């Protein structure tokens, strides 16, 4: 597939959170229902627990 003339790749791989897990993306978001949420499940690697890192 040809790439658009002005396209460039930011990352070769998706970045991981500090615990080497994938970030969680929700659209629509829970905290941002008119947009999206991007957060880390935290050190226990389980979403929807008290150590989730929402970055706020």
N, C-alpha and C. Protein backbone atom coordinates (compact mmCIF):
# COMPACT_ATOMS: atom_id res chain seq x y z
N UNK A 1 0.83 -1.19 0.00
CA UNK A 1 0.00 0.00 0.00
C UNK A 1 0.88 1.25 0.00
N UNK A 2 0.59 2.18 -0.86
CA UNK A 2 1.38 3.43 -0.86
C UNK A 2 1.03 4.29 0.35
N UNK A 3 2.04 4.98 0.86
CA UNK A 3 1.84 5.90 1.99
C UNK A 3 1.53 7.29 1.45
N UNK A 4 0.69 8.05 2.16
CA UNK A 4 0.47 9.44 1.75
C UNK A 4 1.79 10.22 1.72
N UNK A 5 1.87 11.21 0.87
CA UNK A 5 3.12 11.96 0.68
C UNK A 5 3.59 12.63 1.96
N UNK A 6 2.70 13.07 2.83
CA UNK A 6 3.10 13.80 4.04
C UNK A 6 3.02 12.95 5.30
N UNK A 7 2.94 11.65 5.18
CA UNK A 7 2.81 10.75 6.31
C UNK A 7 4.19 10.37 6.85
N UNK A 8 4.32 10.30 8.16
CA UNK A 8 5.53 9.74 8.76
C UNK A 8 5.15 8.98 10.01
N UNK A 9 5.90 7.94 10.29
CA UNK A 9 5.61 7.04 11.40
C UNK A 9 6.26 7.58 12.67
N UNK A 10 5.45 7.76 13.73
CA UNK A 10 5.98 8.26 15.00
C UNK A 10 6.70 7.17 15.78
N UNK A 11 6.11 5.99 15.82
CA UNK A 11 6.66 4.88 16.59
C UNK A 11 6.64 3.62 15.74
N UNK A 12 7.65 2.80 15.89
CA UNK A 12 7.65 1.50 15.22
C UNK A 12 6.81 0.50 16.02
N UNK A 13 6.74 0.71 17.32
CA UNK A 13 5.93 -0.14 18.20
C UNK A 13 5.12 0.75 19.12
N UNK A 14 3.99 0.24 19.59
CA UNK A 14 3.20 1.00 20.56
C UNK A 14 3.97 1.12 21.86
N UNK A 15 4.02 2.30 22.46
CA UNK A 15 4.70 2.43 23.74
C UNK A 15 3.96 1.66 24.82
N UNK A 16 4.69 1.16 25.78
CA UNK A 16 4.13 0.43 26.92
C UNK A 16 4.10 1.35 28.13
N UNK A 17 3.27 1.00 29.10
CA UNK A 17 3.25 1.75 30.35
C UNK A 17 4.48 1.38 31.18
N UNK A 18 4.71 2.02 32.32
CA UNK A 18 5.91 1.72 33.12
C UNK A 18 6.01 0.27 33.59
N UNK A 19 4.91 -0.49 33.53
CA UNK A 19 4.90 -1.89 33.96
C UNK A 19 4.92 -2.84 32.77
N UNK A 20 5.27 -2.29 31.60
CA UNK A 20 5.41 -3.04 30.35
C UNK A 20 4.10 -3.68 29.88
N UNK A 21 2.99 -3.03 30.19
CA UNK A 21 1.67 -3.45 29.71
C UNK A 21 1.17 -2.43 28.69
N UNK A 22 0.21 -2.84 27.89
CA UNK A 22 -0.41 -1.91 26.94
C UNK A 22 -1.26 -0.89 27.68
N UNK A 23 -1.29 0.32 27.17
CA UNK A 23 -2.22 1.32 27.69
C UNK A 23 -3.64 0.92 27.28
N UNK A 24 -4.63 1.38 28.02
CA UNK A 24 -6.02 1.06 27.75
C UNK A 24 -6.67 2.28 27.11
N UNK A 25 -7.32 2.07 25.98
CA UNK A 25 -7.98 3.13 25.22
C UNK A 25 -9.47 2.84 25.20
N UNK A 26 -10.27 3.82 25.62
CA UNK A 26 -11.73 3.69 25.60
C UNK A 26 -12.33 4.87 24.84
N UNK A 27 -13.21 4.59 23.91
CA UNK A 27 -13.89 5.64 23.16
C UNK A 27 -15.32 5.19 22.90
N UNK A 28 -16.30 5.87 23.44
CA UNK A 28 -16.18 7.06 24.27
C UNK A 28 -15.59 6.70 25.62
N UNK A 29 -15.01 7.67 26.26
CA UNK A 29 -14.37 7.44 27.53
C UNK A 29 -15.34 7.44 28.70
N UNK A 30 -14.86 6.93 29.82
CA UNK A 30 -15.62 6.97 31.07
C UNK A 30 -15.49 8.35 31.70
N UNK A 31 -14.24 8.82 31.81
CA UNK A 31 -13.99 10.15 32.38
C UNK A 31 -14.21 11.26 31.36
N UNK A 32 -14.10 10.93 30.09
CA UNK A 32 -14.27 11.90 29.01
C UNK A 32 -15.31 11.36 28.03
N UNK A 33 -16.59 11.41 28.39
CA UNK A 33 -17.62 10.79 27.54
C UNK A 33 -17.76 11.43 26.16
N UNK A 34 -17.28 12.64 25.98
CA UNK A 34 -17.33 13.28 24.67
C UNK A 34 -16.04 13.08 23.89
N UNK A 35 -15.15 12.27 24.42
CA UNK A 35 -13.87 12.01 23.77
C UNK A 35 -13.41 10.60 24.07
N UNK A 36 -12.16 10.48 24.52
CA UNK A 36 -11.60 9.17 24.80
C UNK A 36 -10.82 9.20 26.10
N UNK A 37 -10.58 8.03 26.67
CA UNK A 37 -9.72 7.85 27.83
C UNK A 37 -8.52 7.01 27.41
N UNK A 38 -7.36 7.36 27.91
CA UNK A 38 -6.14 6.58 27.71
C UNK A 38 -5.49 6.47 29.07
N UNK A 39 -5.38 5.26 29.59
CA UNK A 39 -4.84 5.10 30.93
C UNK A 39 -4.09 3.79 31.08
N UNK A 40 -3.38 3.66 32.19
CA UNK A 40 -2.63 2.46 32.52
C UNK A 40 -3.36 1.70 33.62
N UNK A 41 -3.33 0.38 33.55
CA UNK A 41 -3.94 -0.45 34.59
C UNK A 41 -3.10 -0.46 35.87
N UNK A 42 -1.92 0.13 35.84
CA UNK A 42 -1.10 0.24 37.03
C UNK A 42 -0.29 -1.01 37.33
N UNK A 43 0.37 -1.03 38.48
CA UNK A 43 1.29 -2.12 38.79
C UNK A 43 0.63 -3.49 38.90
N UNK A 44 -0.66 -3.55 39.24
CA UNK A 44 -1.30 -4.88 39.32
C UNK A 44 -1.76 -5.38 37.96
N UNK A 45 -1.65 -4.52 36.94
CA UNK A 45 -1.99 -4.86 35.54
C UNK A 45 -3.45 -5.27 35.35
N UNK A 46 -4.32 -4.89 36.29
CA UNK A 46 -5.74 -5.20 36.20
C UNK A 46 -6.52 -3.90 36.07
N UNK A 47 -7.31 -3.74 34.99
CA UNK A 47 -8.09 -2.51 34.87
C UNK A 47 -9.20 -2.43 35.91
N UNK A 48 -9.65 -1.23 36.17
CA UNK A 48 -10.75 -0.96 37.10
C UNK A 48 -10.41 -1.32 38.54
N UNK A 49 -9.16 -1.10 38.94
CA UNK A 49 -8.76 -1.26 40.33
C UNK A 49 -8.19 0.07 40.83
N UNK A 50 -7.95 0.16 42.12
CA UNK A 50 -7.57 1.44 42.72
C UNK A 50 -6.21 1.97 42.27
N UNK A 51 -5.35 1.12 41.71
CA UNK A 51 -4.03 1.61 41.31
C UNK A 51 -3.95 2.01 39.84
N UNK A 52 -5.09 2.06 39.13
CA UNK A 52 -5.08 2.52 37.74
C UNK A 52 -4.51 3.94 37.67
N UNK A 53 -3.71 4.21 36.66
CA UNK A 53 -3.09 5.52 36.49
C UNK A 53 -3.80 6.26 35.36
N UNK A 54 -4.66 7.20 35.74
CA UNK A 54 -5.42 7.99 34.78
C UNK A 54 -4.67 9.26 34.39
N UNK A 55 -3.54 9.53 35.02
CA UNK A 55 -2.73 10.69 34.67
C UNK A 55 -3.32 12.03 35.09
N UNK A 56 -4.21 12.01 36.09
CA UNK A 56 -4.76 13.29 36.53
C UNK A 56 -4.54 13.54 37.99
